[in-house]
Amino acid sequence: TERLVGLRMGGAPLTWYNADFYPVRAAGAHVGYVTSAFYSPKLETNIALAMVPNAHNALGTTLTVALPGDGPVEATVVATASLSAADVRRPSSSRNHWIRAPATKIDPSIAYTG
């Protein structure tokens, strides 16, 4: 069985969406694929979501991702952040900038926890 996990990856900052899946390897064997990846200015590293088998999805697991241009880079399975309504931004209908969404109560029993 596979699971979607968060990855923190090396390599040059990814500044454009990945148009194709990036292969994920463990000990040289293909084990999964990156579904989306980008550079996080806040974390100062590349981050990604990847589908990997349960045998390789524990937090702290070291994997390798083949990035175009950089080749294989080290990646670590990390927890994904869950967003509260206060963290979500929406476009303003009257202005061309983003505004903070109003805080609302969220039922934690249905929030994604990674």
N, C-alpha and C. Protein backbone atom coordinates (compact mmCIF):
# COMPACT_ATOMS: atom_id res chain seq x y z
N THR A 1 0.84 -1.19 0.00
CA THR A 1 0.00 0.00 0.00
C THR A 1 0.88 1.24 0.00
N GLU A 2 0.45 2.26 -0.71
CA GLU A 2 1.20 3.52 -0.80
C GLU A 2 0.51 4.61 0.00
N ARG A 3 1.30 5.65 0.28
CA ARG A 3 0.78 6.79 1.02
C ARG A 3 1.43 8.06 0.50
N LEU A 4 0.68 9.16 0.52
CA LEU A 4 1.21 10.47 0.15
C LEU A 4 1.95 11.03 1.35
N VAL A 5 3.24 11.38 1.15
CA VAL A 5 4.06 11.89 2.25
C VAL A 5 4.70 13.21 1.84
N GLY A 6 5.15 13.95 2.83
CA GLY A 6 5.90 15.17 2.59
C GLY A 6 7.38 14.84 2.51
N LEU A 7 8.09 15.57 1.66
CA LEU A 7 9.55 15.42 1.54
C LEU A 7 10.21 16.78 1.66
N ARG A 8 11.38 16.80 2.26
CA ARG A 8 12.27 17.96 2.25
C ARG A 8 13.46 17.51 1.41
N MET A 9 13.76 18.27 0.33
CA MET A 9 14.76 17.81 -0.64
C MET A 9 15.88 18.83 -0.84
N GLY A 10 17.02 18.32 -1.29
CA GLY A 10 18.13 19.17 -1.67
C GLY A 10 17.97 19.65 -3.10
N GLY A 11 19.08 20.14 -3.65
CA GLY A 11 19.07 20.60 -5.04
C GLY A 11 18.86 22.10 -5.14
N ALA A 12 19.03 22.61 -6.35
CA ALA A 12 18.79 24.03 -6.61
C ALA A 12 17.30 24.32 -6.41
N PRO A 13 16.95 25.55 -6.00
CA PRO A 13 15.54 25.88 -5.79
C PRO A 13 14.68 25.58 -7.02
N LEU A 14 13.59 24.86 -6.81
CA LEU A 14 12.63 24.56 -7.87
C LEU A 14 11.72 25.77 -8.02
N THR A 15 11.76 26.40 -9.17
CA THR A 15 11.00 27.64 -9.35
C THR A 15 9.84 27.50 -10.31
N TRP A 16 9.56 26.29 -10.76
CA TRP A 16 8.44 26.05 -11.64
C TRP A 16 7.86 24.69 -11.31
N TYR A 17 6.57 24.51 -11.53
CA TYR A 17 5.93 23.24 -11.19
C TYR A 17 6.53 22.10 -12.01
N ASN A 18 6.47 20.90 -11.46
CA ASN A 18 6.98 19.75 -12.21
C ASN A 18 5.90 19.27 -13.18
N ALA A 19 6.25 19.27 -14.46
CA ALA A 19 5.32 18.84 -15.51
C ALA A 19 5.24 17.32 -15.60
N ASP A 20 6.13 16.63 -14.91
CA ASP A 20 6.16 15.17 -14.92
C ASP A 20 6.48 14.69 -13.51
N PHE A 21 6.22 13.43 -13.23
CA PHE A 21 6.57 12.87 -11.93
C PHE A 21 8.08 12.69 -11.83
N TYR A 22 8.64 12.97 -10.64
CA TYR A 22 10.06 12.72 -10.40
C TYR A 22 10.18 11.37 -9.70
N PRO A 23 11.07 10.48 -10.17
CA PRO A 23 11.23 9.17 -9.54
C PRO A 23 11.81 9.28 -8.13
N VAL A 24 11.32 8.44 -7.24
CA VAL A 24 11.83 8.35 -5.86
C VAL A 24 12.46 6.97 -5.71
N ARG A 25 13.66 6.94 -5.12
CA ARG A 25 14.39 5.68 -4.94
C ARG A 25 14.79 5.50 -3.48
N ALA A 26 14.90 4.24 -3.10
CA ALA A 26 15.42 3.86 -1.79
C ALA A 26 16.43 2.76 -2.03
N ALA A 27 17.66 2.96 -1.57
CA ALA A 27 18.74 1.99 -1.78
C ALA A 27 18.87 1.62 -3.26
N GLY A 28 18.69 2.60 -4.15
CA GLY A 28 18.86 2.39 -5.57
C GLY A 28 17.66 1.82 -6.31
N ALA A 29 16.65 1.37 -5.58
CA ALA A 29 15.46 0.78 -6.21
C ALA A 29 14.34 1.81 -6.30
N HIS A 30 13.64 1.82 -7.44
CA HIS A 30 12.51 2.73 -7.62
C HIS A 30 11.39 2.33 -6.66
N VAL A 31 10.94 3.30 -5.82
CA VAL A 31 9.89 2.98 -4.85
C VAL A 31 8.67 3.90 -4.95
N GLY A 32 8.76 4.99 -5.69
CA GLY A 32 7.62 5.89 -5.75
C GLY A 32 7.87 7.05 -6.69
N TYR A 33 7.07 8.11 -6.53
CA TYR A 33 7.20 9.27 -7.40
C TYR A 33 6.72 10.54 -6.70
N VAL A 34 7.36 11.64 -7.05
CA VAL A 34 6.96 12.96 -6.54
C VAL A 34 5.80 13.44 -7.39
N THR A 35 4.71 13.85 -6.73
CA THR A 35 3.54 14.36 -7.45
C THR A 35 3.61 15.87 -7.65
N SER A 36 4.21 16.59 -6.70
CA SER A 36 4.36 18.03 -6.82
C SER A 36 5.54 18.46 -5.96
N ALA A 37 6.25 19.47 -6.44
CA ALA A 37 7.43 19.95 -5.72
C ALA A 37 7.64 21.43 -6.02
N PHE A 38 8.20 22.15 -5.05
CA PHE A 38 8.50 23.56 -5.23
C PHE A 38 9.47 24.00 -4.14
N TYR A 39 10.09 25.15 -4.32
CA TYR A 39 10.99 25.72 -3.33
C TYR A 39 10.17 26.48 -2.28
N SER A 40 10.48 26.26 -1.01
CA SER A 40 9.82 26.97 0.08
C SER A 40 10.74 28.05 0.61
N PRO A 41 10.42 29.33 0.36
CA PRO A 41 11.25 30.40 0.91
C PRO A 41 11.26 30.40 2.44
N LYS A 42 10.14 30.03 3.04
CA LYS A 42 10.05 30.01 4.50
C LYS A 42 10.98 28.95 5.10
N LEU A 43 11.01 27.77 4.48
CA LEU A 43 11.86 26.68 4.97
C LEU A 43 13.25 26.70 4.36
N GLU A 44 13.44 27.52 3.31
CA GLU A 44 14.71 27.65 2.59
C GLU A 44 15.21 26.31 2.04
N THR A 45 14.28 25.54 1.49
CA THR A 45 14.62 24.26 0.88
C THR A 45 13.50 23.86 -0.08
N ASN A 46 13.77 22.88 -0.93
CA ASN A 46 12.73 22.33 -1.79
C ASN A 46 11.85 21.41 -0.94
N ILE A 47 10.55 21.45 -1.20
CA ILE A 47 9.62 20.56 -0.52
C ILE A 47 8.78 19.86 -1.58
N ALA A 48 8.19 18.72 -1.22
CA ALA A 48 7.43 17.96 -2.20
C ALA A 48 6.41 17.07 -1.50
N LEU A 49 5.46 16.60 -2.31
CA LEU A 49 4.57 15.52 -1.92
C LEU A 49 4.91 14.34 -2.81
N ALA A 50 4.97 13.16 -2.23
CA ALA A 50 5.35 11.97 -3.00
C ALA A 50 4.52 10.77 -2.56
N MET A 51 4.25 9.90 -3.51
CA MET A 51 3.60 8.61 -3.21
C MET A 51 4.70 7.58 -3.02
N VAL A 52 4.74 6.99 -1.83
CA VAL A 52 5.74 5.96 -1.53
C VAL A 52 5.07 4.81 -0.78
N PRO A 53 5.62 3.60 -0.88
CA PRO A 53 5.04 2.48 -0.16
C PRO A 53 5.20 2.63 1.35
N ASN A 54 4.35 1.95 2.09
CA ASN A 54 4.39 2.04 3.55
C ASN A 54 5.76 1.69 4.12
N ALA A 55 6.50 0.84 3.47
CA ALA A 55 7.82 0.45 3.96
C ALA A 55 8.81 1.62 3.96
N HIS A 56 8.47 2.71 3.26
CA HIS A 56 9.39 3.84 3.15
C HIS A 56 8.76 5.17 3.55
N ASN A 57 7.65 5.15 4.31
CA ASN A 57 7.00 6.42 4.61
C ASN A 57 7.13 6.90 6.05
N ALA A 58 7.99 6.27 6.85
CA ALA A 58 8.18 6.72 8.23
C ALA A 58 8.91 8.06 8.26
N LEU A 59 8.53 8.93 9.19
CA LEU A 59 9.21 10.22 9.33
C LEU A 59 10.70 10.00 9.51
N GLY A 60 11.49 10.79 8.80
CA GLY A 60 12.94 10.70 8.90
C GLY A 60 13.58 9.75 7.91
N THR A 61 12.79 8.98 7.18
CA THR A 61 13.34 8.05 6.18
C THR A 61 14.06 8.84 5.10
N THR A 62 15.27 8.41 4.75
CA THR A 62 16.05 9.05 3.70
C THR A 62 15.80 8.35 2.38
N LEU A 63 15.45 9.14 1.38
CA LEU A 63 15.20 8.64 0.03
C LEU A 63 16.02 9.46 -0.95
N THR A 64 15.96 9.12 -2.21
CA THR A 64 16.64 9.88 -3.26
C THR A 64 15.60 10.24 -4.32
N VAL A 65 15.61 11.51 -4.77
CA VAL A 65 14.70 11.96 -5.82
C VAL A 65 15.53 12.41 -7.00
N ALA A 66 15.15 11.98 -8.20
CA ALA A 66 15.84 12.40 -9.42
C ALA A 66 15.21 13.68 -9.94
N LEU A 67 15.93 14.79 -9.75
CA LEU A 67 15.45 16.09 -10.23
C LEU A 67 16.06 16.41 -11.59
N PRO A 68 15.29 16.96 -12.51
CA PRO A 68 15.87 17.35 -13.79
C PRO A 68 16.90 18.44 -13.58
N GLY A 69 18.03 18.31 -14.18
CA GLY A 69 19.09 19.31 -14.02
C GLY A 69 20.04 18.99 -12.89
N ASP A 70 19.51 18.62 -11.73
CA ASP A 70 20.34 18.33 -10.55
C ASP A 70 20.70 16.86 -10.44
N GLY A 71 19.92 16.00 -11.08
CA GLY A 71 20.13 14.57 -10.91
C GLY A 71 19.62 14.13 -9.57
N PRO A 72 20.19 13.06 -8.99
CA PRO A 72 19.70 12.55 -7.71
C PRO A 72 20.03 13.50 -6.56
N VAL A 73 19.03 13.79 -5.73
CA VAL A 73 19.23 14.59 -4.53
C VAL A 73 18.65 13.84 -3.34
N GLU A 74 19.21 14.08 -2.18
CA GLU A 74 18.71 13.44 -0.97
C GLU A 74 17.39 14.07 -0.57
N ALA A 75 16.47 13.24 -0.09
CA ALA A 75 15.17 13.70 0.38
C ALA A 75 14.85 12.99 1.69
N THR A 76 14.18 13.69 2.59
CA THR A 76 13.80 13.13 3.88
C THR A 76 12.30 13.21 4.04
N VAL A 77 11.68 12.13 4.50
CA VAL A 77 10.24 12.14 4.76
C VAL A 77 9.98 13.01 5.98
N VAL A 78 9.08 13.98 5.82
CA VAL A 78 8.75 14.92 6.89
C VAL A 78 7.24 15.00 7.06
N ALA A 79 6.82 15.54 8.18
CA ALA A 79 5.40 15.74 8.42
C ALA A 79 4.90 16.86 7.52
N THR A 80 3.68 16.73 7.05
CA THR A 80 3.07 17.79 6.27
C THR A 80 2.29 18.68 7.21
N ALA A 81 2.25 19.96 6.91
CA ALA A 81 1.53 20.91 7.76
C ALA A 81 0.05 20.88 7.43
N SER A 82 -0.77 20.97 8.45
CA SER A 82 -2.20 21.11 8.20
C SER A 82 -2.54 22.58 8.35
N LEU A 83 -3.44 23.07 7.54
CA LEU A 83 -3.80 24.48 7.54
C LEU A 83 -5.08 24.71 8.32
N SER A 84 -5.10 25.81 9.06
CA SER A 84 -6.34 26.23 9.69
C SER A 84 -6.99 27.26 8.77
N ALA A 85 -8.22 27.58 9.00
CA ALA A 85 -8.91 28.56 8.16
C ALA A 85 -8.20 29.91 8.22
N ALA A 86 -7.56 30.23 9.35
CA ALA A 86 -6.86 31.50 9.48
C ALA A 86 -5.62 31.56 8.59
N ASP A 87 -5.08 30.39 8.20
CA ASP A 87 -3.90 30.36 7.35
C ASP A 87 -4.23 30.46 5.86
N VAL A 88 -5.47 30.20 5.51
CA VAL A 88 -5.88 30.19 4.12
C VAL A 88 -6.06 31.61 3.61
N ARG A 89 -5.54 31.87 2.44
CA ARG A 89 -5.67 33.20 1.86
C ARG A 89 -6.58 33.10 0.64
N ARG A 90 -7.33 34.13 0.41
CA ARG A 90 -8.21 34.16 -0.76
C ARG A 90 -8.04 35.50 -1.45
N PRO A 91 -8.28 35.55 -2.76
CA PRO A 91 -8.14 36.82 -3.45
C PRO A 91 -9.26 37.77 -3.07
N SER A 92 -8.92 39.03 -2.95
CA SER A 92 -9.92 40.05 -2.67
C SER A 92 -10.68 40.35 -3.96
N SER A 93 -12.00 40.44 -3.87
CA SER A 93 -12.78 40.73 -5.06
C SER A 93 -12.68 42.21 -5.46
N SER A 94 -12.29 43.06 -4.51
CA SER A 94 -12.24 44.49 -4.82
C SER A 94 -10.82 45.00 -5.08
N ARG A 95 -9.81 44.20 -4.75
CA ARG A 95 -8.44 44.64 -4.95
C ARG A 95 -7.63 43.52 -5.58
N ASN A 96 -6.47 43.85 -6.11
CA ASN A 96 -5.59 42.85 -6.71
C ASN A 96 -4.53 42.39 -5.73
N HIS A 97 -4.91 42.03 -4.53
CA HIS A 97 -3.97 41.46 -3.57
C HIS A 97 -4.70 40.45 -2.70
N TRP A 98 -3.92 39.71 -1.96
CA TRP A 98 -4.49 38.65 -1.13
C TRP A 98 -4.77 39.18 0.26
N ILE A 99 -5.85 38.71 0.86
CA ILE A 99 -6.19 39.13 2.22
C ILE A 99 -6.32 37.90 3.10
N ARG A 100 -6.20 38.09 4.39
CA ARG A 100 -6.31 36.98 5.33
C ARG A 100 -7.78 36.57 5.44
N ALA A 101 -8.01 35.29 5.35
CA ALA A 101 -9.37 34.77 5.46
C ALA A 101 -9.85 34.91 6.91
N PRO A 102 -11.13 35.13 7.11
CA PRO A 102 -11.63 35.24 8.48
C PRO A 102 -11.45 33.92 9.23
N ALA A 103 -11.13 34.02 10.51
CA ALA A 103 -10.95 32.83 11.33
C ALA A 103 -12.29 32.15 11.54
N THR A 104 -12.30 30.84 11.40
CA THR A 104 -13.50 30.06 11.67
C THR A 104 -13.08 28.84 12.47
N LYS A 105 -14.03 28.24 13.13
CA LYS A 105 -13.72 27.04 13.88
C LYS A 105 -13.65 25.85 12.94
N ILE A 106 -12.65 25.02 13.13
CA ILE A 106 -12.47 23.82 12.29
C ILE A 106 -12.60 22.60 13.19
N ASP A 107 -13.31 21.60 12.69
CA ASP A 107 -13.46 20.35 13.42
C ASP A 107 -12.17 19.56 13.25
N PRO A 108 -11.33 19.42 14.30
CA PRO A 108 -10.04 18.73 14.16
C PRO A 108 -10.19 17.25 13.82
N SER A 109 -11.37 16.69 14.04
CA SER A 109 -11.55 15.26 13.73
C SER A 109 -11.58 15.01 12.23
N ILE A 110 -11.81 16.07 11.42
CA ILE A 110 -11.82 15.88 9.99
C ILE A 110 -10.65 16.59 9.29
N ALA A 111 -9.82 17.28 10.06
CA ALA A 111 -8.66 17.96 9.47
C ALA A 111 -7.59 16.94 9.13
N TYR A 112 -6.92 17.14 7.98
CA TYR A 112 -5.84 16.26 7.58
C TYR A 112 -4.66 16.44 8.52
N THR A 113 -4.16 15.36 9.08
CA THR A 113 -3.04 15.45 10.02
C THR A 113 -1.78 14.82 9.48
N GLY A 114 -1.78 14.37 8.25
CA GLY A 114 -0.57 13.80 7.65
C GLY A 114 -0.50 12.35 7.89
